[in-house]
Amino acid sequence: MTLVVLNYGAIIQKLLLKDSEGNYTNVVVGYNHPSRYLTDKVCLGACVGRHAGRISKGGFIIDRERFIIHTDNDVHLHGGKEGFHKKYWTIEKIVPTGNPSITLSYKSTHLEEGYPGNLMVQVTYQLIDNKLHITHRAKTDRSTVVNLTNHSYFKLDNSPYIDAYELQLNCPYYLETLNNLLPTGNVLPVYATNFDFLKPKQIDLTRLDTPFVRNPNNTIVAKVSSKETRISLEVQTNQPAVVVYTPTDFPGICFETQNLPDAPNQPSFPSSILRPGETYNNSSTFTFANES
């Protein structure tokens, strides 16, 4: 595998998978020219934060203090007007041999986008054989909310559609959402719904922008494969949820491993509050197989 990363947005620009004949397939959607990302509006391959996913009510309360954050149509999404995907990151470390890796960092200052605390963020991308490990870490000097994820759109073949992809989600529940995709707070079983991918099945015309709750007894959250190339991807994470997103205007599928959206305003969801002295850790692994 070959990984190409940009310091703008900590973006995964290319992820090249080599088959048995030495041919490479780029398994993520991306632009060839880095300058194109400056006007990108769908977070291609980027690190998303300070809080991935949607937040309601125009803000949140921590320790009886309310913080106001940017909203569009009453929804705060992916960190605000200019989230981490629109920031220039610092390349901290490159390990070019063995299990190669790159670590990037970003300091989000107190009240950036309305969030409290100076937040130091690191993301490490590491290749180990046929696996891409992504580790997000963060520390704060003041209590804040954090929910980071990678926003790569995976594309396993050259088809203009992903309808024929076979998808399996190890997620017995999903979040009920409103028309603006904010969670209602209800956690519903996927059984006998369009969101039931407990057993592998073709995506067909199902389009998702849906938070799924992972089976807590299994860190493997998803598997998707293409019959055309016989490339498969398995997603493993320590996070409680994955937002699966299949855009309507280009082929690709996102697996946004993260905490549940709107956790700051949903008392029944796992907390997204990070306190001083604690370390936020989102560790996810993307394992590829090529049977061609």
Protein backbone atom coordinates (compact mmCIF):
# COMPACT_ATOMS: atom_id res chain seq x y z
CA MET A 1 0.00 0.00 0.00
CA THR A 2 1.03 3.59 -0.65
CA LEU A 3 -0.41 6.53 1.29
CA VAL A 4 -0.34 10.18 0.20
CA VAL A 5 -1.24 12.76 2.90
CA LEU A 6 -1.60 16.55 2.71
CA ASN A 7 -0.85 18.93 5.57
CA TYR A 8 -4.02 20.85 4.65
CA GLY A 9 -6.84 19.22 6.60
CA ALA A 10 -4.57 16.23 7.38
CA ILE A 11 -6.16 14.90 4.20
CA ILE A 12 -5.68 11.40 2.81
CA GLN A 13 -5.27 12.29 -0.87
CA LYS A 14 -4.50 8.81 -2.17
CA LEU A 15 -4.43 5.28 -0.79
CA LEU A 16 -3.02 2.93 -3.39
CA LEU A 17 -3.56 -0.81 -3.09
CA LYS A 18 -1.37 -3.12 -5.17
CA ASP A 19 -2.73 -6.37 -6.60
CA SER A 20 -0.85 -9.60 -7.34
CA GLU A 21 0.15 -8.31 -10.79
CA GLY A 22 1.64 -5.11 -9.43
CA ASN A 23 -1.20 -2.85 -10.54
CA TYR A 24 -2.39 -0.12 -8.17
CA THR A 25 -5.96 0.86 -7.36
CA ASN A 26 -6.63 4.14 -5.55
CA VAL A 27 -9.27 3.12 -3.02
CA VAL A 28 -10.21 6.64 -1.85
CA VAL A 29 -11.91 9.48 -3.69
CA GLY A 30 -9.63 12.47 -4.10
CA TYR A 31 -8.34 15.26 -6.30
CA ASN A 32 -5.07 14.94 -8.23
CA HIS A 33 -4.20 18.60 -7.61
CA PRO A 34 -3.96 19.61 -3.92
CA SER A 35 -5.24 23.13 -4.64
CA ARG A 36 -8.66 21.65 -5.45
CA TYR A 37 -9.14 20.85 -1.78
CA LEU A 38 -9.24 24.55 -0.93
CA THR A 39 -12.75 24.73 -2.38
CA ASP A 40 -13.86 21.20 -1.47
CA LYS A 41 -17.17 21.12 0.40
CA VAL A 42 -17.49 17.42 1.26
CA CYS A 43 -14.42 16.93 3.50
CA LEU A 44 -12.70 14.50 1.11
CA GLY A 45 -10.24 12.42 3.15
CA ALA A 46 -9.93 15.01 5.91
CA CYS A 47 -9.68 14.95 9.68
CA VAL A 48 -12.99 16.33 10.92
CA GLY A 49 -13.35 18.17 14.24
CA ARG A 50 -13.48 19.61 16.81
CA HIS A 51 -16.76 17.70 16.92
CA ALA A 52 -17.62 15.43 13.99
CA GLY A 53 -21.28 14.87 13.39
CA ARG A 54 -24.17 17.23 14.05
CA ILE A 55 -24.88 19.28 17.16
CA SER A 56 -28.28 20.80 17.90
CA LYS A 57 -29.51 23.84 19.87
CA GLY A 58 -26.77 26.19 18.65
CA GLY A 59 -24.40 25.11 21.40
CA PHE A 60 -23.98 23.04 24.53
CA ILE A 61 -23.52 23.32 28.28
CA ILE A 62 -20.46 22.19 30.21
CA ASP A 63 -20.46 22.61 34.00
CA ARG A 64 -23.44 25.01 33.85
CA GLU A 65 -21.73 27.29 31.31
CA ARG A 66 -23.25 27.58 27.84
CA PHE A 67 -21.09 27.81 24.73
CA ILE A 68 -22.48 29.13 21.45
CA ILE A 69 -21.29 27.54 18.19
CA HIS A 70 -21.83 28.24 14.51
CA THR A 71 -24.92 26.76 12.84
CA ASP A 72 -26.37 26.55 9.36
CA ASN A 73 -30.14 26.08 9.40
CA ASP A 74 -29.93 25.36 13.14
CA VAL A 75 -27.36 22.57 12.63
CA HIS A 76 -23.71 22.60 13.63
CA LEU A 77 -21.76 20.15 11.46
CA HIS A 78 -18.16 18.91 11.43
CA GLY A 79 -16.67 21.55 13.69
CA GLY A 80 -18.30 24.68 12.37
CA LYS A 81 -17.71 27.26 9.69
CA GLU A 82 -14.04 26.28 9.35
CA GLY A 83 -13.44 22.96 11.04
CA PHE A 84 -10.17 21.06 11.24
CA HIS A 85 -10.61 19.99 7.61
CA LYS A 86 -9.94 23.62 6.58
CA LYS A 87 -6.82 24.09 8.70
CA TYR A 88 -3.14 23.73 7.92
CA TRP A 89 -1.61 21.06 10.14
CA THR A 90 2.01 20.67 11.24
CA ILE A 91 3.87 17.56 10.13
CA GLU A 92 5.40 16.34 13.41
CA LYS A 93 7.01 13.08 12.37
CA ILE A 94 7.51 10.83 9.37
CA VAL A 95 8.67 7.22 9.68
CA PRO A 96 9.53 6.16 6.12
CA THR A 97 10.56 2.53 6.68
CA GLY A 98 9.30 -0.59 8.44
CA ASN A 99 5.68 0.18 9.22
CA PRO A 100 5.69 3.68 7.73
CA SER A 101 3.71 6.42 9.42
CA ILE A 102 3.10 10.14 9.48
CA THR A 103 1.94 12.21 12.46
CA LEU A 104 0.38 15.65 12.07
CA SER A 105 -0.74 18.10 14.76
CA TYR A 106 -2.99 21.09 15.13
CA LYS A 107 -3.64 23.48 18.02
CA SER A 108 -7.23 24.62 18.28
CA THR A 109 -7.25 27.72 20.46
CA HIS A 110 -9.74 28.58 23.19
CA LEU A 111 -13.13 29.57 21.73
CA GLU A 112 -12.17 28.69 18.16
CA GLU A 113 -15.57 28.08 16.55
CA GLY A 114 -17.00 28.66 20.04
CA TYR A 115 -15.42 25.60 21.68
CA PRO A 116 -13.79 26.09 25.08
CA GLY A 117 -10.19 25.17 25.86
CA ASN A 118 -6.91 25.07 24.00
CA LEU A 119 -7.00 21.67 22.33
CA MET A 120 -3.85 19.96 21.10
CA VAL A 121 -4.73 17.40 18.42
CA GLN A 122 -2.60 14.72 16.76
CA VAL A 123 -3.48 12.30 14.00
CA THR A 124 -1.23 9.41 13.00
CA TYR A 125 -1.60 7.41 9.81
CA GLN A 126 0.33 4.15 9.78
CA LEU A 127 0.59 1.38 7.20
CA ILE A 128 1.07 -2.18 8.46
CA ASP A 129 0.92 -4.73 5.68
CA ASN A 130 -2.60 -4.37 4.25
CA LYS A 131 -3.90 -2.21 7.08
CA LEU A 132 -4.28 1.53 7.50
CA HIS A 133 -4.28 2.53 11.16
CA ILE A 134 -5.69 5.97 11.99
CA THR A 135 -5.22 7.27 15.53
CA HIS A 136 -6.66 10.58 16.69
CA ARG A 137 -5.47 11.92 20.05
CA ALA A 138 -6.28 15.15 21.84
CA LYS A 139 -5.59 16.93 25.13
CA THR A 140 -7.16 20.08 26.53
CA ASP A 141 -6.42 22.65 29.22
CA ARG A 142 -10.11 23.21 29.89
CA SER A 143 -13.16 20.98 29.78
CA THR A 144 -14.48 20.78 26.23
CA VAL A 145 -16.21 18.42 23.82
CA VAL A 146 -14.25 16.36 21.28
CA ASN A 147 -15.33 13.93 18.58
CA LEU A 148 -12.81 13.41 15.78
CA THR A 149 -12.99 11.20 12.71
CA ASN A 150 -11.52 10.67 9.28
CA HIS A 151 -13.76 11.49 6.33
CA SER A 152 -12.37 9.36 3.50
CA TYR A 153 -14.76 8.19 0.80
CA PHE A 154 -13.77 4.66 -0.15
CA LYS A 155 -14.17 3.52 -3.74
CA LEU A 156 -13.14 -0.04 -4.51
CA ASP A 157 -13.59 -0.13 -8.30
CA ASN A 158 -14.11 2.09 -11.34
CA SER A 159 -17.88 1.77 -11.44
CA PRO A 160 -19.88 5.03 -11.50
CA TYR A 161 -22.13 3.54 -8.81
CA ILE A 162 -21.69 1.67 -5.53
CA ASP A 163 -25.01 -0.16 -5.87
CA ALA A 164 -23.30 -3.52 -6.45
CA TYR A 165 -21.06 -3.21 -3.39
CA GLU A 166 -21.79 -5.78 -0.71
CA LEU A 167 -22.07 -4.18 2.72
CA GLN A 168 -22.20 -5.66 6.20
CA LEU A 169 -22.58 -3.58 9.37
CA ASN A 170 -22.03 -5.10 12.78
CA CYS A 171 -24.52 -2.58 14.16
CA PRO A 172 -27.78 -3.80 15.70
CA TYR A 173 -29.06 -0.26 16.29
CA TYR A 174 -29.21 3.10 14.53
CA LEU A 175 -30.14 6.62 15.58
CA GLU A 176 -33.51 7.98 14.58
CA THR A 177 -33.00 11.37 12.94
CA LEU A 178 -35.08 14.35 11.91
CA ASN A 179 -35.25 15.71 8.36
CA ASN A 180 -32.14 17.79 9.08
CA LEU A 181 -30.40 14.58 10.25
CA LEU A 182 -30.17 15.67 13.88
CA PRO A 183 -30.75 12.72 16.23
CA THR A 184 -34.05 12.64 18.08
CA GLY A 185 -32.40 10.75 20.94
CA ASN A 186 -34.15 7.49 20.05
CA VAL A 187 -31.94 4.45 19.44
CA LEU A 188 -33.83 1.97 17.27
CA PRO A 189 -33.19 -1.62 16.16
CA VAL A 190 -32.21 -2.06 12.52
CA TYR A 191 -34.17 -5.29 12.19
CA ALA A 192 -36.67 -5.22 9.29
CA THR A 193 -35.62 -1.72 8.20
CA ASN A 194 -33.59 -0.42 5.25
CA PHE A 195 -30.73 -0.05 7.73
CA ASP A 196 -30.45 -3.78 8.42
CA PHE A 197 -27.04 -4.82 7.11
CA LEU A 198 -26.33 -7.34 9.87
CA LYS A 199 -25.92 -9.89 7.11
CA PRO A 200 -24.00 -8.98 3.94
CA LYS A 201 -26.20 -7.60 1.18
CA GLN A 202 -25.90 -5.34 -1.83
CA ILE A 203 -26.31 -1.64 -1.19
CA ASP A 204 -28.51 -1.32 -4.30
CA LEU A 205 -30.40 2.00 -4.23
CA THR A 206 -30.14 2.50 -0.47
CA ARG A 207 -28.42 5.78 0.31
CA LEU A 208 -27.19 6.37 3.81
CA ASP A 209 -26.30 9.32 5.99
CA THR A 210 -26.97 7.36 9.10
CA PRO A 211 -25.41 6.96 12.57
CA PHE A 212 -25.15 3.28 13.50
CA VAL A 213 -24.40 1.97 17.00
CA ARG A 214 -21.67 -0.66 17.08
CA ASN A 215 -22.11 -4.03 18.75
CA PRO A 216 -20.08 -3.42 21.94
CA ASN A 217 -18.87 -7.03 21.97
CA ASN A 218 -17.10 -6.73 18.61
CA THR A 219 -14.72 -4.00 17.48
CA ILE A 220 -15.31 -4.86 13.80
CA VAL A 221 -17.96 -2.41 12.71
CA ALA A 222 -18.24 -2.79 8.94
CA LYS A 223 -17.15 -4.70 5.85
CA VAL A 224 -17.66 -3.70 2.23
CA SER A 225 -16.50 -5.41 -0.96
CA SER A 226 -16.58 -5.05 -4.73
CA LYS A 227 -17.28 -8.07 -6.93
CA GLU A 228 -15.71 -6.24 -9.87
CA THR A 229 -12.23 -5.93 -8.36
CA ARG A 230 -12.65 -8.44 -5.52
CA ILE A 231 -11.26 -5.81 -3.16
CA SER A 232 -12.74 -5.77 0.33
CA LEU A 233 -12.43 -3.38 3.26
CA GLU A 234 -12.99 -4.22 6.91
CA VAL A 235 -13.37 -1.41 9.47
CA GLN A 236 -12.47 -1.85 13.11
CA THR A 237 -12.74 0.82 15.81
CA ASN A 238 -12.80 1.56 19.52
CA GLN A 239 -15.58 4.11 18.98
CA PRO A 240 -19.22 3.42 19.92
CA ALA A 241 -20.64 4.42 16.54
CA VAL A 242 -20.03 4.80 12.84
CA VAL A 243 -21.78 7.26 10.56
CA VAL A 244 -22.13 5.58 7.16
CA TYR A 245 -22.47 8.11 4.37
CA THR A 246 -23.08 7.36 0.70
CA PRO A 247 -23.25 10.62 -1.31
CA THR A 248 -25.72 10.96 -4.14
CA ASP A 249 -23.51 12.89 -6.57
CA PHE A 250 -20.44 10.65 -6.80
CA PRO A 251 -19.60 7.02 -5.95
CA GLY A 252 -18.01 6.38 -2.57
CA ILE A 253 -18.79 5.31 0.97
CA CYS A 254 -17.67 6.92 4.23
CA PHE A 255 -17.19 5.09 7.50
CA GLU A 256 -16.96 7.90 10.05
CA THR A 257 -15.92 6.08 13.23
CA GLN A 258 -16.83 8.34 16.12
CA ASN A 259 -19.02 9.00 19.13
CA LEU A 260 -22.73 9.49 18.55
CA PRO A 261 -23.71 12.78 16.87
CA ASP A 262 -25.21 15.44 19.15
CA ALA A 263 -23.76 13.72 22.21
CA PRO A 264 -23.25 17.12 23.95
CA ASN A 265 -27.04 17.60 24.01
CA GLN A 266 -28.18 14.00 24.44
CA PRO A 267 -27.72 12.88 28.09
CA SER A 268 -28.37 9.23 27.21
CA PHE A 269 -25.51 9.12 24.66
CA PRO A 270 -21.89 8.41 25.64
CA SER A 271 -20.28 11.64 26.81
CA SER A 272 -18.02 13.56 24.45
CA ILE A 273 -16.59 15.76 27.21
CA LEU A 274 -12.80 15.80 27.53
CA ARG A 275 -11.32 17.05 30.81
CA PRO A 276 -7.83 18.41 31.54
CA GLY A 277 -5.47 15.54 32.28
CA GLU A 278 -7.41 13.14 30.04
CA THR A 279 -6.41 11.96 26.55
CA TYR A 280 -8.96 11.55 23.80
CA ASN A 281 -8.19 8.47 21.68
CA ASN A 282 -10.00 7.37 18.54
CA SER A 283 -8.23 4.32 17.15
CA SER A 284 -9.57 2.81 13.91
CA THR A 285 -8.14 0.26 11.48
CA PHE A 286 -9.03 -0.18 7.82
CA THR A 287 -7.99 -3.61 6.55
CA PHE A 288 -7.93 -4.30 2.82
CA ALA A 289 -7.90 -7.61 0.98
CA ASN A 290 -7.41 -8.13 -2.71
CA GLU A 291 -8.43 -11.56 -4.00
CA SER A 292 -7.91 -10.79 -7.67
